[in-house]
Protein backbone atom coordinates (compact mmCIF):
# COMPACT_ATOMS: atom_id res chain seq x y z
CA MET A 1 111.58 107.04 117.42
CA LEU A 2 110.15 103.87 117.24
CA LYS A 3 109.57 102.61 121.19
CA LYS A 4 108.74 98.88 120.35
CA PHE A 5 108.52 96.31 117.55
CA LYS A 6 106.40 93.48 118.47
CA MET A 7 107.00 90.21 115.74
CA PRO A 8 104.19 87.93 116.51
CA LEU A 9 104.15 84.42 115.59
CA LEU A 10 101.41 85.10 113.74
CA PHE A 11 103.51 86.41 110.75
CA ALA A 12 105.10 82.47 110.50
CA VAL A 13 101.83 81.52 109.31
CA LEU A 14 100.57 84.23 107.24
CA LEU A 15 100.66 83.60 103.82
CA ILE A 16 98.72 80.60 104.84
CA LEU A 17 95.91 82.37 106.96
CA SER A 18 96.08 85.09 104.27
CA SER A 19 95.44 82.04 101.87
CA ILE A 20 92.67 80.45 103.98
CA VAL A 21 90.45 83.22 104.26
CA SER A 22 90.78 84.32 100.68
CA ALA A 23 89.82 80.72 99.69
CA CYS A 24 86.72 80.91 102.23
CA GLY A 25 85.62 84.44 100.48
CA GLY A 26 84.07 86.54 102.99
CA LYS A 27 86.15 89.94 103.46
CA GLU A 28 87.08 90.55 100.01
CA GLU A 29 85.42 94.09 99.92
CA GLU A 30 87.12 95.21 103.43
CA ALA A 31 90.42 93.68 102.26
CA SER A 32 91.65 96.57 99.82
CA GLY A 33 89.86 99.62 98.18
CA SER A 34 86.47 99.21 96.80
CA LYS A 35 84.26 101.03 93.42
CA LYS A 36 80.62 101.23 94.29
CA SER A 37 79.14 101.50 90.42
CA ASP A 38 78.29 105.09 91.01
CA GLY A 39 81.66 106.68 93.07
CA PRO A 40 85.18 106.86 92.90
CA VAL A 41 88.03 104.60 93.54
CA GLU A 42 88.36 103.95 97.37
CA LEU A 43 91.83 103.39 98.81
CA ARG A 44 92.39 102.85 102.24
CA PHE A 45 96.00 104.61 103.69
CA ILE A 46 97.03 103.81 106.77
CA ILE A 47 99.53 105.95 108.32
CA ASN A 48 101.78 106.17 111.71
CA ASN A 49 100.48 108.68 113.96
CA ASP A 50 98.84 112.15 112.97
CA ASN A 51 100.41 114.14 110.10
CA PRO A 52 98.60 116.90 109.43
CA THR A 53 100.76 117.83 106.39
CA LEU A 54 100.52 114.22 104.62
CA VAL A 55 96.47 114.25 105.19
CA GLU A 56 96.53 117.80 103.60
CA GLN A 57 98.34 116.77 100.76
CA ILE A 58 96.23 113.60 100.15
CA LYS A 59 93.19 115.84 100.12
CA GLN A 60 94.65 117.97 97.33
CA PHE A 61 95.22 114.15 95.58
CA GLU A 62 91.83 113.84 95.28
CA SER A 63 90.64 117.65 94.30
CA GLU A 64 93.20 116.81 91.31
CA ASN A 65 91.73 113.00 91.16
CA LYS A 66 88.17 113.51 91.10
CA ASN A 67 87.95 109.30 90.35
CA ILE A 68 89.82 108.49 93.67
CA LYS A 69 88.72 108.46 97.28
CA VAL A 70 91.38 108.07 99.65
CA ASN A 71 90.46 106.36 103.50
CA VAL A 72 92.85 107.12 105.74
CA GLU A 73 93.28 105.26 108.77
CA LYS A 74 95.56 106.78 111.52
CA ILE A 75 97.17 104.23 113.77
CA PRO A 76 100.04 105.37 116.87
CA LEU A 77 102.99 104.40 116.36
CA ASP A 78 103.24 101.97 119.54
CA GLN A 79 100.57 99.96 118.17
CA PHE A 80 101.56 100.37 114.66
CA PHE A 81 103.18 97.27 113.60
CA GLU A 82 100.79 94.82 115.50
CA LYS A 83 97.89 96.55 114.24
CA VAL A 84 99.11 96.01 111.06
CA GLU A 85 100.26 92.42 110.90
CA THR A 86 96.93 91.78 112.67
CA MET A 87 94.98 93.08 109.29
CA ILE A 88 97.42 91.36 106.94
CA ALA A 89 96.88 87.85 108.88
CA GLY A 90 93.11 88.63 108.78
CA ASP A 91 93.35 89.58 104.94
CA ARG A 92 92.35 93.15 105.47
CA ALA A 93 95.58 94.76 104.08
CA PRO A 94 95.09 98.16 103.44
CA ASP A 95 96.11 99.61 99.80
CA LEU A 96 98.49 101.42 100.97
CA LEU A 97 100.70 101.76 103.87
CA TYR A 98 102.94 104.71 105.30
CA THR A 99 105.92 103.08 107.12
CA PRO A 100 109.19 103.41 108.95
CA VAL A 101 112.32 102.80 106.57
CA LEU A 102 113.10 99.41 108.33
CA ALA A 103 110.02 97.87 107.65
CA THR A 104 109.63 97.82 104.09
CA LYS A 105 111.66 94.75 104.01
CA ARG A 106 110.08 92.93 106.37
CA TYR A 107 106.92 93.00 104.30
CA ALA A 108 108.60 92.84 100.66
CA ASN A 109 110.75 89.67 102.25
CA LEU A 110 106.94 88.09 102.66
CA ASP A 111 106.21 88.75 99.29
CA LEU A 112 103.16 91.22 100.61
CA LEU A 113 104.18 94.56 98.45
CA LEU A 114 103.39 95.65 94.84
CA ASP A 115 106.38 95.93 92.58
CA VAL A 116 106.42 99.34 91.52
CA SER A 117 109.79 98.62 89.44
CA SER A 118 108.05 99.22 85.99
CA GLU A 119 106.03 102.10 86.77
CA LEU A 120 109.00 104.38 86.95
CA SER A 121 110.84 105.72 84.24
CA ASP A 122 114.84 105.59 84.52
CA GLU A 123 114.65 109.56 84.85
CA GLU A 124 112.56 109.14 88.21
CA LYS A 125 114.56 106.53 89.45
CA SER A 126 118.04 108.05 89.02
CA ASP A 127 116.11 111.21 90.77
CA PHE A 128 116.13 109.00 94.34
CA LEU A 129 119.11 109.59 96.23
CA PRO A 130 121.07 106.23 96.04
CA SER A 131 120.72 105.98 100.17
CA SER A 132 116.78 106.19 100.42
CA ILE A 133 116.20 103.87 97.42
CA VAL A 134 118.19 100.96 99.16
CA SER A 135 115.40 100.48 101.77
CA VAL A 136 112.61 100.27 99.14
CA LYS A 137 114.61 97.73 97.28
CA LYS A 138 114.89 93.88 97.34
CA GLY A 139 117.19 92.57 94.72
CA ASP A 140 116.59 94.78 91.61
CA LYS A 141 113.12 95.56 92.31
CA ILE A 142 111.67 98.38 94.04
CA TYR A 143 108.49 98.11 96.44
CA GLY A 144 107.98 101.30 97.48
CA LEU A 145 108.77 104.97 97.00
CA PRO A 146 110.78 106.72 99.87
CA HIS A 147 108.76 109.88 100.85
CA PHE A 148 111.24 111.41 103.33
CA THR A 149 114.63 111.03 105.17
CA ASP A 150 116.18 112.18 108.41
CA ASP A 151 119.97 111.55 110.54
CA ILE A 152 121.67 111.88 113.36
CA ALA A 153 122.83 115.69 113.48
CA VAL A 154 125.16 117.62 116.07
CA PHE A 155 123.54 120.87 117.35
CA TYR A 156 125.78 123.36 119.09
CA ASN A 157 124.86 126.31 121.37
CA LYS A 158 126.61 129.27 119.44
CA ASN A 159 127.14 131.74 122.08
CA LEU A 160 128.88 129.08 124.45
CA PHE A 161 131.40 128.01 121.37
CA GLU A 162 132.11 132.07 120.91
CA LYS A 163 132.62 132.44 124.70
CA ALA A 164 134.73 129.73 124.45
CA GLY A 165 136.73 131.32 121.29
CA VAL A 166 136.10 127.41 119.32
CA SER A 167 134.74 127.76 115.78
CA VAL A 168 133.03 124.68 114.19
CA PRO A 169 133.78 122.97 110.74
CA THR A 170 132.30 125.14 107.90
CA SER A 171 132.30 122.20 105.15
CA ILE A 172 131.86 118.42 105.33
CA ASP A 173 135.55 117.92 103.95
CA ASN A 174 137.17 119.65 106.99
CA ALA A 175 134.79 117.97 109.42
CA TRP A 176 136.24 117.63 113.17
CA SER A 177 138.35 114.47 113.45
CA TRP A 178 137.37 112.28 116.51
CA ASP A 179 139.80 113.89 118.62
CA GLU A 180 139.18 117.74 117.75
CA PHE A 181 135.36 116.83 118.19
CA LEU A 182 136.13 115.79 121.78
CA ASN A 183 138.64 118.94 122.32
CA ALA A 184 136.39 121.07 121.46
CA ALA A 185 133.81 119.37 123.68
CA GLU A 186 136.36 119.90 126.22
CA GLN A 187 137.31 123.31 125.66
CA VAL A 188 133.68 124.94 125.60
CA LYS A 189 132.52 122.58 128.86
CA LYS A 190 135.61 124.41 130.77
CA ALA A 191 135.11 128.11 128.99
CA ASN A 192 131.46 127.79 130.29
CA ASN A 193 132.41 126.06 133.60
CA LEU A 194 129.45 123.52 132.87
CA LYS A 195 129.19 120.34 133.82
CA TYR A 196 129.02 118.40 130.07
CA GLY A 197 130.29 119.53 126.81
CA VAL A 198 128.63 117.02 124.64
CA SER A 199 125.48 114.62 125.21
CA THR A 200 123.53 112.20 123.53
CA GLY A 201 119.85 110.57 124.34
CA SER A 202 119.20 107.11 125.48
CA ASP A 203 118.18 105.99 121.82
CA VAL A 204 121.57 103.59 120.79
CA SER A 205 120.74 104.83 116.93
CA GLN A 206 122.55 108.52 118.36
CA PHE A 207 125.83 106.00 119.00
CA LEU A 208 125.39 104.32 115.60
CA PRO A 209 127.10 107.02 113.42
CA PHE A 210 130.02 106.47 115.36
CA LEU A 211 129.94 102.60 114.48
CA TYR A 212 129.75 103.45 110.98
CA GLN A 213 132.15 106.39 110.80
CA ASN A 214 134.92 103.72 111.74
CA LYS A 215 133.48 101.31 109.39
CA GLY A 216 132.22 99.11 111.79
CA SER A 217 128.30 97.63 111.64
CA VAL A 218 126.41 95.65 113.63
CA LEU A 219 125.50 92.61 111.44
CA ASN A 220 127.90 91.52 108.68
CA LYS A 221 128.43 92.28 105.12
CA ASP A 222 125.70 90.29 103.95
CA GLN A 223 123.53 90.29 106.95
CA SER A 224 123.57 86.79 107.56
CA ALA A 225 124.89 87.17 111.14
CA ALA A 226 126.41 89.69 113.57
CA GLY A 227 129.49 91.25 112.52
CA ILE A 228 130.22 94.06 115.73
CA ASP A 229 132.42 91.56 117.43
CA SER A 230 135.48 93.39 115.56
CA LYS A 231 138.51 95.31 115.69
CA ASN A 232 136.53 98.22 113.96
CA SER A 233 133.64 98.13 116.04
CA ILE A 234 135.35 97.35 119.15
CA GLU A 235 137.08 100.37 118.53
CA ALA A 236 133.92 102.47 117.97
CA ILE A 237 132.48 100.93 121.42
CA LYS A 238 135.75 102.02 123.33
CA TRP A 239 135.49 105.69 121.66
CA PHE A 240 132.26 106.26 122.70
CA LYS A 241 132.72 105.15 126.23
CA SER A 242 135.88 107.91 126.73
CA TRP A 243 133.32 110.78 126.50
CA PHE A 244 131.65 109.34 129.64
CA ASP A 245 135.23 108.29 131.48
CA ARG A 246 136.74 111.91 130.66
CA GLY A 247 133.31 113.50 132.14
CA LEU A 248 132.26 115.32 128.66
CA ALA A 249 129.30 113.42 128.31
CA SER A 250 126.25 112.36 130.48
CA LYS A 251 125.40 108.99 132.12
CA GLU A 252 121.96 109.61 132.94
CA SER A 253 120.96 111.16 129.69
CA PHE A 254 122.53 107.80 127.96
CA VAL A 255 120.56 105.31 130.22
CA GLY A 256 117.73 107.41 130.00
CA SER A 257 117.42 109.65 133.74
CA GLU A 258 117.84 112.86 132.44
CA LYS A 259 117.17 114.28 128.32
CA ALA A 260 119.78 115.47 126.93
CA ASP A 261 117.71 117.60 124.31
CA GLU A 262 115.91 119.41 127.54
CA LEU A 263 119.46 120.25 128.42
CA PHE A 264 120.54 121.86 125.28
CA LYS A 265 117.36 123.77 125.30
CA GLN A 266 118.13 124.82 128.67
CA GLY A 267 121.19 126.09 127.88
CA LYS A 268 123.06 123.69 129.90
CA LEU A 269 124.87 122.12 127.43
CA PRO A 270 127.04 123.04 124.43
CA MET A 271 127.06 120.22 121.92
CA VAL A 272 124.08 117.53 121.88
CA ILE A 273 124.07 114.69 119.54
CA THR A 274 120.35 113.93 118.50
CA PHE A 275 117.43 113.47 115.49
CA SER A 276 117.72 116.01 112.86
CA GLY A 277 114.05 116.14 112.93
CA LEU A 278 113.97 118.26 116.14
CA ILE A 279 115.26 121.46 114.71
CA ASN A 280 111.83 122.98 114.27
CA THR A 281 111.22 122.33 118.06
CA PHE A 282 114.72 123.65 118.78
CA ASP A 283 113.78 126.48 117.05
CA THR A 284 110.27 127.28 118.27
CA ASP A 285 111.43 126.45 121.93
CA ILE A 286 114.96 128.00 122.07
CA LYS A 287 114.79 132.09 122.87
CA ASP A 288 117.82 132.78 125.21
CA PHE A 289 120.45 131.80 122.53
CA ASP A 290 121.63 131.38 119.02
CA TYR A 291 121.87 127.33 118.30
CA GLY A 292 123.53 125.60 115.02
CA VAL A 293 124.04 122.80 113.38
CA THR A 294 127.40 121.56 112.34
CA TYR A 295 128.96 118.72 110.77
CA MET A 296 129.30 115.15 112.51
CA PRO A 297 133.16 114.58 113.13
CA LYS A 298 134.89 111.53 111.07
CA LYS A 299 137.10 108.73 111.20
CA GLU A 300 137.40 106.26 108.10
CA VAL A 301 134.40 107.95 106.52
CA THR A 302 131.55 110.37 106.52
CA ALA A 303 128.60 108.89 108.29
CA THR A 304 125.55 109.11 110.30
CA LYS A 305 122.34 107.14 110.64
CA LEU A 306 119.09 107.73 108.88
CA GLY A 307 115.54 107.55 109.73
CA GLY A 308 112.35 108.93 107.60
CA SER A 309 109.32 106.82 106.11
CA ASN A 310 108.31 105.05 102.83
CA ILE A 311 104.87 104.95 100.76
CA VAL A 312 104.30 100.65 99.94
CA ALA A 313 101.41 99.64 98.43
CA PHE A 314 100.32 95.69 98.94
CA LYS A 315 100.56 93.43 95.97
CA ASN A 316 96.66 92.63 96.53
CA THR A 317 95.25 96.09 96.16
CA LYS A 318 92.52 95.74 93.53
CA HIS A 319 93.59 99.14 92.44
CA PRO A 320 97.26 99.32 91.58
CA LYS A 321 97.32 101.88 89.22
CA GLU A 322 95.30 104.21 91.64
CA ALA A 323 97.42 103.56 94.60
CA VAL A 324 101.13 103.91 92.51
CA LYS A 325 99.19 107.69 91.18
CA LEU A 326 98.85 108.12 95.11
CA MET A 327 102.65 107.01 95.47
CA LYS A 328 104.17 108.94 92.51
CA TYR A 329 101.94 112.56 93.71
CA LEU A 330 103.10 112.32 97.24
CA THR A 331 106.62 111.68 96.09
CA SER A 332 106.73 114.73 93.40
CA THR A 333 109.01 117.26 92.75
CA ASP A 334 106.70 120.26 94.38
CA VAL A 335 104.62 117.96 96.76
CA MET A 336 107.51 116.79 98.79
CA ALA A 337 109.34 120.12 98.67
CA ASP A 338 106.62 121.50 100.41
CA PHE A 339 106.23 118.41 103.01
CA ALA A 340 109.75 118.61 103.90
CA ALA A 341 109.77 122.19 104.25
CA LYS A 342 106.83 122.01 106.56
CA GLN A 343 108.19 119.04 108.77
CA GLY A 344 111.83 120.00 108.76
CA VAL A 345 112.80 116.37 106.92
CA ILE A 346 114.87 115.64 104.02
CA PRO A 347 113.47 115.16 100.53
CA THR A 348 114.32 111.94 98.97
CA THR A 349 114.98 113.19 95.68
CA LYS A 350 117.39 115.68 94.22
CA SER A 351 114.95 117.45 92.33
CA ALA A 352 112.90 118.01 95.70
CA GLN A 353 116.16 119.14 97.57
CA GLU A 354 117.00 121.47 94.99
CA LYS A 355 113.81 123.51 95.54
CA VAL A 356 112.52 123.13 99.29
CA ASP A 357 112.49 126.01 101.34
CA TYR A 358 113.21 126.03 104.47
CA GLY A 359 112.92 129.44 105.76
CA PRO A 360 114.22 129.79 109.28
CA ILE A 361 115.59 126.57 109.53
CA SER A 362 117.72 126.94 106.25
CA GLU A 363 121.11 127.32 107.36
CA GLY A 364 120.80 123.89 109.56
CA MET A 365 118.90 122.12 106.70
CA LYS A 366 121.70 122.77 104.24
CA VAL A 367 124.38 120.89 106.96
CA ILE A 368 121.70 117.83 107.36
CA THR A 369 121.17 117.74 103.92
CA THR A 370 124.75 117.41 103.29
CA GLU A 371 125.43 114.34 105.67
CA VAL A 372 122.21 112.47 103.98
CA ASN A 373 123.37 112.77 101.05
CA SER A 374 127.07 111.22 101.93
CA VAL A 375 125.89 108.18 104.43
CA PRO A 376 127.65 105.10 102.92
CA ASP A 377 125.85 102.14 101.43
CA PHE A 378 127.19 99.90 104.14
CA ALA A 379 125.78 101.85 106.62
CA VAL A 380 122.05 102.62 105.66
CA LYS A 381 121.77 98.43 104.81
CA ASP A 382 122.93 97.42 108.45
CA PHE A 383 120.02 99.33 109.63
CA SER A 384 116.96 99.24 107.32
CA ILE A 385 115.92 96.01 108.03
CA PRO A 386 113.34 94.72 110.18
CA GLU A 387 116.05 92.48 112.48
CA TYR A 388 117.00 96.37 113.54
CA LEU A 389 114.23 96.57 116.23
CA GLY A 390 115.03 93.17 117.51
CA TYR A 391 118.98 94.27 117.66
CA LYS A 392 118.28 97.45 118.89
CA SER A 393 117.26 96.68 122.13
CA VAL A 394 120.33 94.24 122.69
CA LEU A 395 122.56 96.90 121.79
CA THR A 396 121.01 99.46 124.29
CA SER A 397 121.30 97.09 126.95
CA GLU A 398 124.63 96.09 126.50
CA LEU A 399 126.37 99.46 125.75
CA GLN A 400 124.41 100.84 128.85
CA THR A 401 126.67 98.38 130.60
CA VAL A 402 129.43 99.48 129.26
CA ILE A 403 129.18 103.11 129.78
CA LEU A 404 128.18 102.10 133.58
CA GLY A 405 131.62 100.68 133.83
CA GLU A 406 129.96 97.35 134.28
CA LYS A 407 131.45 95.71 131.39
CA SER A 408 134.42 95.71 129.28
CA PRO A 409 133.87 96.94 125.29
CA GLU A 410 135.37 93.74 123.73
CA LYS A 411 133.32 91.43 126.64
CA ALA A 412 129.96 93.96 125.52
CA ALA A 413 131.08 93.05 121.72
CA LYS A 414 131.07 89.31 122.21
CA ASP A 415 127.56 89.35 124.31
CA ILE A 416 126.01 91.55 121.68
CA GLU A 417 127.30 89.23 118.93
CA SER A 418 126.21 85.85 120.83
CA GLN A 419 122.50 87.20 121.32
CA ILE A 420 121.81 88.65 118.17
CA ASN A 421 122.86 85.38 116.48
CA THR A 422 120.67 83.54 118.85
CA SER A 423 117.66 85.74 119.57
CA VAL A 424 117.52 87.93 116.74
CA LEU A 425 118.78 85.87 113.68
CA LYS A 426 117.70 82.74 115.33
CA LYS A 427 121.21 81.12 114.34
């Protein structure tokens, strides 16, 4: 996940600076891809971190399109946003960007992205999952293509559950209620004489599914202000706090002094709520017991929190046709299915979901895919915006005070709302 999101003041004058630099000439050749008189069209494509599968597929695209050369630049995720924004301010924006879902609307709101709406047929548009297309839309226009998604999932130790005689839900329709979920954690903990029954890690996004399950949210409906100081949201915070009050969950894991994922891999934790993308790691590292993935509990609705990345092109690219061609290639059915299978993530089109073969992790990925396809729109909108990383730190610190017993859920909700309005949304 993202560690830090710097929002430099340079973005406040971004468009002015870009205009000045463009007017002065200078770096037009560097600002985008170029085409030499005797060579192919060149595209700059910036990706976050090293992704061998993506790079391999880009090379395959080049082999099938000899007139296009893709120059891939890799930027570590903890430096990604700052460096990309510096490039934009200096009129050196790339042709394409591989970006986390939450940043897409930031660039779209600044009118920096290429509108690809007219490049997609109705059939292509309808093939994308509704929950994924939300993150690339502004009004009726589409400013990028969703590439993959993942979610927050429930991993469980099959051996510990079997010893306790506790069964897990076999479909999303018979998912545990909140009470049933905690009762299962309690039973497995006691039957196996364990310290805990369930835990999350320290990333507060692992709490958000439960907020959404109770139809709560961090922001209000139109995202103009905070909205967490509500009955449903406070109820979700209280219920989450009860995990720790009952001794079912590790406070140390939630504040980051121990790792719930490691406890699970060691067989010391019967259930862990964590990122579904860890499924390949668990499949490789877990040797001493069988693990599985089951469905998130539900309250008012079925919900989890999505992640993933989008592919966007900047509107100032000199080669929009070639940029769109690459975007569509990487999100085509066979290519996306291959990427998803190798990375243990979910394709963002229905056709790719039907084709992907996950091999040994297929059972767990079937559960994760079903949940991804069931996320309500309001939940996606709540976090698939740039303000998410601004309010995430506020939510983290305030929820930690609740879990540690230093503040009531009601007081924390009021404080979260106040800080988001004044510090993040600048109201």
